[in-house]
Amino acid sequence: MARPGQLTRGKANRLVKTPGGKSVVHRQKFYKAGGVCHLTGSQLQLPKASLYGLSRRSSRSSKRPNRPYGGVLSSAATRREIITKARE
C-alpha cells in the first residue's frame, strides 16, 4: 500500500499493458527538475550529484558550481551580472 502522500492525483496509478499481455499498475515516478536560471529561464547545467537519487547523499557544495551565483544563474547570465557589477 502506498503512503498517503503518494496517493495524490499527480502520482495516480497508471494501468500499463506488459509485453506478456497482462495489465499491471505502475506508479509514475517524479524526479527533481533541474535548476532554471532566474534571469534567462534556461536550464542550468548542474553536476550529476544534484540528480534525484544522489542528492541526499552528496554535500551541498557538490550539487552547485562553485562560483558566484552558482546554482542560481546560468553561466551566460553570471558573466553578464559580473560585468555590470564591475562597471558600476
N, C-alpha and C. Protein backbone atom coordinates (compact mmCIF):
# COMPACT_ATOMS: atom_id res chain seq x y z
N MET A 1 0.85 -1.19 0.00
CA MET A 1 0.00 0.00 0.00
C MET A 1 0.89 1.24 0.00
N ALA A 2 0.50 2.19 -0.77
CA ALA A 2 1.27 3.43 -0.87
C ALA A 2 0.97 4.32 0.33
N ARG A 3 1.95 5.17 0.65
CA ARG A 3 1.75 6.14 1.72
C ARG A 3 0.70 7.15 1.30
N PRO A 4 0.02 7.80 2.24
CA PRO A 4 -1.00 8.78 1.87
C PRO A 4 -0.47 9.91 1.00
N GLY A 5 0.80 10.31 1.20
CA GLY A 5 1.37 11.37 0.38
C GLY A 5 1.59 10.96 -1.05
N GLN A 6 1.62 9.66 -1.31
CA GLN A 6 1.83 9.16 -2.67
C GLN A 6 0.51 9.06 -3.44
N LEU A 7 -0.62 9.23 -2.76
CA LEU A 7 -1.91 8.99 -3.39
C LEU A 7 -2.55 10.26 -3.94
N THR A 8 -1.75 11.22 -4.35
CA THR A 8 -2.30 12.43 -4.94
C THR A 8 -2.64 12.18 -6.40
N ARG A 9 -3.36 13.10 -6.99
CA ARG A 9 -3.75 12.91 -8.39
C ARG A 9 -2.55 12.89 -9.31
N GLY A 10 -1.51 13.67 -8.97
CA GLY A 10 -0.33 13.71 -9.82
C GLY A 10 0.44 12.41 -9.83
N LYS A 11 0.28 11.61 -8.77
CA LYS A 11 1.01 10.34 -8.69
C LYS A 11 0.03 9.18 -8.76
N ALA A 12 -1.02 9.36 -9.54
CA ALA A 12 -2.06 8.35 -9.62
C ALA A 12 -1.52 7.09 -10.27
N ASN A 13 -2.23 6.00 -10.01
CA ASN A 13 -1.86 4.73 -10.61
C ASN A 13 -2.13 4.76 -12.12
N ARG A 14 -1.25 4.09 -12.87
CA ARG A 14 -1.42 4.00 -14.31
C ARG A 14 -1.52 2.53 -14.67
N LEU A 15 -2.52 2.14 -15.44
CA LEU A 15 -2.62 0.78 -15.93
C LEU A 15 -1.76 0.65 -17.17
N VAL A 16 -0.82 -0.27 -17.13
CA VAL A 16 0.12 -0.46 -18.22
C VAL A 16 0.03 -1.89 -18.68
N LYS A 17 -0.04 -2.09 -19.97
CA LYS A 17 -0.08 -3.45 -20.51
C LYS A 17 1.35 -3.89 -20.78
N THR A 18 1.76 -4.99 -20.18
CA THR A 18 3.11 -5.50 -20.33
C THR A 18 3.22 -6.31 -21.63
N PRO A 19 4.44 -6.60 -22.08
CA PRO A 19 4.60 -7.39 -23.30
C PRO A 19 3.97 -8.78 -23.21
N GLY A 20 3.82 -9.29 -21.99
CA GLY A 20 3.19 -10.61 -21.83
C GLY A 20 1.68 -10.56 -21.94
N GLY A 21 1.10 -9.37 -22.06
CA GLY A 21 -0.34 -9.23 -22.22
C GLY A 21 -1.08 -8.94 -20.93
N LYS A 22 -0.39 -8.92 -19.78
CA LYS A 22 -1.06 -8.63 -18.52
C LYS A 22 -1.18 -7.12 -18.32
N SER A 23 -2.22 -6.72 -17.63
CA SER A 23 -2.36 -5.32 -17.25
C SER A 23 -1.91 -5.18 -15.80
N VAL A 24 -0.91 -4.35 -15.57
CA VAL A 24 -0.39 -4.15 -14.22
C VAL A 24 -0.46 -2.67 -13.88
N VAL A 25 -0.42 -2.37 -12.59
CA VAL A 25 -0.50 -0.99 -12.12
C VAL A 25 0.91 -0.46 -11.95
N HIS A 26 1.22 0.65 -12.59
CA HIS A 26 2.51 1.32 -12.43
C HIS A 26 2.26 2.68 -11.81
N ARG A 27 3.22 3.10 -11.01
CA ARG A 27 3.19 4.45 -10.46
C ARG A 27 4.13 5.31 -11.26
N GLN A 28 3.72 6.51 -11.58
CA GLN A 28 4.58 7.43 -12.32
C GLN A 28 5.64 7.96 -11.36
N LYS A 29 6.91 7.93 -11.77
CA LYS A 29 7.98 8.43 -10.94
C LYS A 29 8.23 9.90 -11.25
N PHE A 30 8.45 10.68 -10.22
CA PHE A 30 8.74 12.09 -10.39
C PHE A 30 10.14 12.36 -9.90
N TYR A 31 10.93 13.01 -10.71
CA TYR A 31 12.29 13.36 -10.33
C TYR A 31 12.38 14.87 -10.18
N LYS A 32 13.38 15.30 -9.40
CA LYS A 32 13.57 16.72 -9.23
C LYS A 32 13.86 17.37 -10.57
N ALA A 33 13.22 18.47 -10.81
CA ALA A 33 13.52 19.21 -12.03
C ALA A 33 14.89 19.84 -11.88
N GLY A 34 15.64 19.88 -12.96
CA GLY A 34 16.93 20.55 -12.92
C GLY A 34 16.72 22.03 -12.68
N GLY A 35 17.74 22.72 -12.27
CA GLY A 35 17.61 24.13 -11.96
C GLY A 35 17.31 24.96 -13.20
N VAL A 36 16.67 26.09 -12.97
CA VAL A 36 16.33 27.01 -14.05
C VAL A 36 16.92 28.37 -13.69
N CYS A 37 17.54 29.01 -14.66
CA CYS A 37 18.13 30.33 -14.45
C CYS A 37 17.02 31.35 -14.22
N HIS A 38 17.19 32.21 -13.22
CA HIS A 38 16.16 33.18 -12.89
C HIS A 38 16.09 34.33 -13.88
N LEU A 39 17.18 34.62 -14.56
CA LEU A 39 17.16 35.73 -15.50
C LEU A 39 16.78 35.30 -16.91
N THR A 40 17.41 34.24 -17.40
CA THR A 40 17.18 33.85 -18.79
C THR A 40 16.12 32.77 -18.93
N GLY A 41 15.84 32.04 -17.87
CA GLY A 41 14.86 30.97 -17.94
C GLY A 41 15.39 29.69 -18.56
N SER A 42 16.69 29.66 -18.87
CA SER A 42 17.27 28.47 -19.47
C SER A 42 17.61 27.44 -18.39
N GLN A 43 17.77 26.19 -18.80
CA GLN A 43 18.10 25.11 -17.86
C GLN A 43 19.55 25.22 -17.42
N LEU A 44 19.78 25.05 -16.11
CA LEU A 44 21.14 25.11 -15.59
C LEU A 44 21.85 23.79 -15.86
N GLN A 45 23.14 23.86 -16.12
CA GLN A 45 23.94 22.66 -16.28
C GLN A 45 24.53 22.32 -14.93
N LEU A 46 23.84 21.47 -14.20
CA LEU A 46 24.25 21.11 -12.84
C LEU A 46 25.05 19.82 -12.86
N PRO A 47 25.90 19.62 -11.85
CA PRO A 47 26.67 18.37 -11.77
C PRO A 47 25.76 17.16 -11.59
N LYS A 48 26.28 15.98 -11.85
CA LYS A 48 25.50 14.76 -11.76
C LYS A 48 25.06 14.48 -10.33
N ALA A 49 25.80 15.00 -9.35
CA ALA A 49 25.47 14.76 -7.95
C ALA A 49 24.16 15.41 -7.55
N SER A 50 23.64 16.34 -8.34
CA SER A 50 22.40 17.02 -7.98
C SER A 50 21.18 16.30 -8.51
N LEU A 51 21.33 15.16 -9.17
CA LEU A 51 20.19 14.38 -9.63
C LEU A 51 19.47 13.76 -8.45
N TYR A 52 18.26 13.29 -8.69
CA TYR A 52 17.34 12.90 -7.61
C TYR A 52 17.93 11.89 -6.63
N GLY A 53 18.38 10.74 -7.10
CA GLY A 53 18.80 9.69 -6.19
C GLY A 53 20.07 10.01 -5.44
N LEU A 54 20.91 10.84 -6.01
CA LEU A 54 22.19 11.14 -5.38
C LEU A 54 22.14 12.39 -4.50
N SER A 55 21.05 13.15 -4.57
CA SER A 55 21.04 14.46 -3.95
C SER A 55 21.06 14.39 -2.43
N ARG A 56 20.52 13.34 -1.82
CA ARG A 56 20.51 13.27 -0.37
C ARG A 56 21.87 12.88 0.18
N ARG A 57 22.62 12.11 -0.60
CA ARG A 57 23.88 11.60 -0.08
C ARG A 57 25.04 12.54 -0.32
N SER A 58 24.92 13.45 -1.26
CA SER A 58 26.05 14.31 -1.59
C SER A 58 25.93 15.65 -0.87
N SER A 59 27.06 16.29 -0.72
CA SER A 59 27.08 17.56 0.00
C SER A 59 26.48 18.67 -0.85
N ARG A 60 26.14 19.76 -0.19
CA ARG A 60 25.50 20.87 -0.90
C ARG A 60 26.47 21.51 -1.90
N SER A 61 27.74 21.58 -1.54
CA SER A 61 28.69 22.23 -2.43
C SER A 61 28.96 21.40 -3.69
N SER A 62 28.73 20.08 -3.62
CA SER A 62 28.94 19.26 -4.81
C SER A 62 27.76 19.30 -5.77
N LYS A 63 26.65 19.90 -5.34
CA LYS A 63 25.46 19.98 -6.20
C LYS A 63 25.40 21.27 -7.00
N ARG A 64 26.28 22.21 -6.70
CA ARG A 64 26.23 23.50 -7.38
C ARG A 64 27.62 23.86 -7.88
N PRO A 65 27.70 24.64 -8.94
CA PRO A 65 29.01 25.13 -9.37
C PRO A 65 29.58 26.07 -8.32
N ASN A 66 30.85 25.95 -8.07
CA ASN A 66 31.50 26.78 -7.05
C ASN A 66 31.97 28.09 -7.68
N ARG A 67 31.04 29.00 -7.87
CA ARG A 67 31.32 30.32 -8.40
C ARG A 67 30.23 31.25 -7.90
N PRO A 68 30.40 32.56 -8.06
CA PRO A 68 29.33 33.48 -7.66
C PRO A 68 28.05 33.16 -8.42
N TYR A 69 26.91 33.21 -7.74
CA TYR A 69 25.59 32.89 -8.30
C TYR A 69 25.51 31.44 -8.76
N GLY A 70 26.36 30.55 -8.26
CA GLY A 70 26.36 29.16 -8.68
C GLY A 70 25.09 28.47 -8.27
N GLY A 71 24.45 27.76 -9.19
CA GLY A 71 23.20 27.07 -8.92
C GLY A 71 21.99 27.97 -9.00
N VAL A 72 22.17 29.25 -9.28
CA VAL A 72 21.05 30.20 -9.38
C VAL A 72 20.95 30.76 -10.78
N LEU A 73 22.10 31.22 -11.32
CA LEU A 73 22.12 31.79 -12.66
C LEU A 73 22.93 30.92 -13.60
N SER A 74 22.58 30.97 -14.88
CA SER A 74 23.36 30.25 -15.87
C SER A 74 24.71 30.95 -16.06
N SER A 75 25.62 30.29 -16.75
CA SER A 75 26.95 30.86 -16.89
C SER A 75 26.91 32.16 -17.70
N ALA A 76 26.06 32.22 -18.71
CA ALA A 76 25.95 33.46 -19.51
C ALA A 76 25.39 34.60 -18.67
N ALA A 77 24.37 34.32 -17.87
CA ALA A 77 23.79 35.36 -17.02
C ALA A 77 24.77 35.77 -15.92
N THR A 78 25.55 34.83 -15.41
CA THR A 78 26.56 35.14 -14.40
C THR A 78 27.61 36.08 -14.97
N ARG A 79 28.05 35.77 -16.18
CA ARG A 79 29.05 36.61 -16.84
C ARG A 79 28.51 38.03 -17.00
N ARG A 80 27.24 38.13 -17.43
CA ARG A 80 26.63 39.44 -17.63
C ARG A 80 26.51 40.21 -16.32
N GLU A 81 26.12 39.53 -15.24
CA GLU A 81 25.97 40.16 -13.93
C GLU A 81 27.31 40.67 -13.40
N ILE A 82 28.35 39.86 -13.54
CA ILE A 82 29.67 40.26 -13.03
C ILE A 82 30.19 41.48 -13.78
N ILE A 83 29.97 41.52 -15.09
CA ILE A 83 30.42 42.66 -15.90
C ILE A 83 29.66 43.92 -15.51
N THR A 84 28.33 43.81 -15.30
CA THR A 84 27.57 45.01 -14.93
C THR A 84 27.94 45.50 -13.53
N LYS A 85 28.22 44.58 -12.60
CA LYS A 85 28.64 45.00 -11.26
C LYS A 85 30.02 45.68 -11.31
N ALA A 86 30.91 45.19 -12.18
CA ALA A 86 32.24 45.78 -12.28
C ALA A 86 32.19 47.17 -12.91
N ARG A 87 31.22 47.40 -13.78
CA ARG A 87 31.12 48.69 -14.47
C ARG A 87 30.48 49.76 -13.58
N GLU A 88 29.83 49.37 -12.50
CA GLU A 88 29.20 50.36 -11.62
C GLU A 88 30.20 51.14 -10.81
